[in-house]
Amino acid sequence: MTLIIILGHGKYASGLKSNLAMLLGELEHFKYVDFLIDDSKEKLNEKIDKAINNHEGDILFICDLAGGTPFREACLRKVENPNYEVIAGVNTAGIAEIAYLDEPASVLADLAVNAGKEATIKFEI
């Protein structure tokens, strides 16, 4: 099964962990990496390495936003491994869409992005 690593600034990842656990239960193939204010880039990479923990299959990195340090570090890993995918800005609906699917990272990335877009709405009276 594809390993899904959620990472972002502050406690974004641990906040999503709590959010997803309430909605979906514990997701064993998900890992969560917070990039805290006092963390260096090297510390972030240590946390990412720990989350990967010698996983040899596909990995999907879900980042809080494009362009930040977590996103850039995930992208550098993708450059070295064609079985990795990186997406950013996906909401809870996009993540929930893929939570129980056993698909390659590339398929999960597309599904999450599309579901996230479709779930973003503006309430009108």
Protein backbone atom coordinates (compact mmCIF):
# COMPACT_ATOMS: atom_id res chain seq x y z
CA MET A 1 0.00 0.00 0.00
CA THR A 2 1.18 3.53 -0.73
CA LEU A 3 2.64 5.29 2.29
CA ILE A 4 1.07 8.72 2.75
CA ILE A 5 3.12 11.34 4.55
CA ILE A 6 1.38 14.56 5.55
CA LEU A 7 3.74 17.42 6.30
CA GLY A 8 3.55 21.12 6.82
CA HIS A 9 4.39 24.17 8.85
CA GLY A 10 3.65 24.35 12.57
CA LYS A 11 1.36 21.61 13.77
CA TYR A 12 -0.42 21.23 10.45
CA ALA A 13 0.32 17.50 10.21
CA SER A 14 -0.60 16.65 13.79
CA GLY A 15 -3.76 18.75 13.44
CA LEU A 16 -4.75 16.79 10.34
CA LYS A 17 -3.96 13.57 12.18
CA SER A 18 -6.52 14.53 14.84
CA ASN A 19 -9.02 15.66 12.21
CA LEU A 20 -8.72 12.47 10.16
CA ALA A 21 -8.82 10.20 13.23
CA MET A 22 -12.13 11.75 14.27
CA LEU A 23 -13.61 11.27 10.81
CA LEU A 24 -11.97 8.07 9.57
CA GLY A 25 -10.26 6.36 12.51
CA GLU A 26 -6.57 5.59 12.71
CA LEU A 27 -4.91 5.27 9.31
CA GLU A 28 -1.96 2.93 9.65
CA HIS A 29 -0.38 3.78 6.28
CA PHE A 30 -0.34 7.51 7.12
CA LYS A 31 2.58 9.32 8.78
CA TYR A 32 2.55 12.90 10.01
CA VAL A 33 5.51 15.30 10.04
CA ASP A 34 5.32 18.73 11.66
CA PHE A 35 7.88 21.37 10.65
CA LEU A 36 8.10 23.39 13.85
CA ILE A 37 9.35 26.94 14.18
CA ASP A 38 12.66 25.88 15.77
CA ASP A 39 13.29 23.04 13.30
CA SER A 40 16.10 23.40 10.78
CA LYS A 41 15.83 21.98 7.29
CA GLU A 42 18.10 19.17 8.48
CA LYS A 43 15.76 18.39 11.39
CA LEU A 44 12.80 18.29 8.99
CA ASN A 45 14.68 15.83 6.78
CA GLU A 46 15.44 13.64 9.81
CA LYS A 47 11.71 13.57 10.57
CA ILE A 48 10.88 12.69 6.96
CA ASP A 49 13.49 9.91 6.98
CA LYS A 50 11.95 8.52 10.17
CA ALA A 51 8.47 8.60 8.60
CA ILE A 52 9.73 6.78 5.49
CA ASN A 53 11.53 4.21 7.69
CA ASN A 54 12.90 2.14 4.78
CA HIS A 55 9.52 1.96 2.99
CA GLU A 56 10.27 0.59 -0.47
CA GLY A 57 7.00 1.21 -2.28
CA ASP A 58 5.13 4.28 -3.44
CA ILE A 59 4.97 7.37 -1.24
CA LEU A 60 2.56 10.27 -1.54
CA PHE A 61 3.62 13.47 0.23
CA ILE A 62 0.71 15.77 1.07
CA CYS A 63 2.01 19.24 1.96
CA ASP A 64 0.23 22.23 3.43
CA LEU A 65 1.24 24.60 0.64
CA ALA A 66 3.40 24.75 -2.45
CA GLY A 67 6.75 26.48 -2.23
CA GLY A 68 7.49 26.12 1.48
CA THR A 69 10.34 24.11 2.97
CA PRO A 70 8.29 20.92 3.55
CA PHE A 71 7.09 21.02 -0.07
CA ARG A 72 10.58 21.67 -1.45
CA GLU A 73 12.14 18.86 0.58
CA ALA A 74 9.43 16.43 -0.57
CA CYS A 75 9.97 17.52 -4.18
CA LEU A 76 13.71 16.89 -3.90
CA ARG A 77 12.92 13.34 -2.80
CA LYS A 78 10.54 12.89 -5.74
CA VAL A 79 13.28 13.91 -8.16
CA GLU A 80 15.31 10.96 -6.84
CA ASN A 81 12.45 8.44 -6.77
CA PRO A 82 9.84 8.02 -9.54
CA ASN A 83 7.52 6.17 -7.11
CA TYR A 84 7.02 9.33 -5.06
CA GLU A 85 4.39 12.02 -5.66
CA VAL A 86 3.99 15.43 -4.04
CA ILE A 87 0.80 17.47 -3.78
CA ALA A 88 0.00 20.63 -1.83
CA GLY A 89 -3.06 22.47 -0.61
CA VAL A 90 -5.38 19.47 -0.46
CA ASN A 91 -8.22 19.68 2.05
CA THR A 92 -9.73 17.04 4.34
CA ALA A 93 -12.20 15.92 1.66
CA GLY A 94 -9.35 15.25 -0.75
CA ILE A 95 -7.48 13.20 1.81
CA ALA A 96 -10.60 11.30 2.88
CA GLU A 97 -11.23 10.36 -0.76
CA ILE A 98 -7.99 8.37 -0.89
CA ALA A 99 -7.67 7.18 2.71
CA TYR A 100 -8.66 3.56 2.09
CA LEU A 101 -7.63 3.11 -1.53
CA ASP A 102 -4.82 0.76 -2.48
CA GLU A 103 -3.52 2.53 -5.58
CA PRO A 104 -0.17 3.86 -6.83
CA ALA A 105 0.89 7.27 -5.52
CA SER A 106 0.28 8.87 -8.93
CA VAL A 107 -3.38 7.77 -8.94
CA LEU A 108 -3.91 8.83 -5.32
CA ALA A 109 -2.39 12.25 -6.03
CA ASP A 110 -4.78 12.93 -8.90
CA LEU A 111 -7.81 11.68 -6.97
CA ALA A 112 -6.97 13.76 -3.88
CA VAL A 113 -6.44 16.95 -5.85
CA ASN A 114 -9.67 16.54 -7.82
CA ALA A 115 -11.76 15.63 -4.76
CA GLY A 116 -10.34 18.59 -2.87
CA LYS A 117 -11.29 20.95 -5.68
CA GLU A 118 -14.81 19.52 -5.90
CA ALA A 119 -15.31 19.81 -2.13
CA THR A 120 -14.35 23.49 -2.02
CA ILE A 121 -17.55 25.49 -2.12
CA LYS A 122 -19.03 28.86 -1.30
CA PHE A 123 -22.32 28.82 0.56
CA GLU A 124 -24.94 30.91 -1.22
CA ILE A 125 -28.34 31.93 0.11
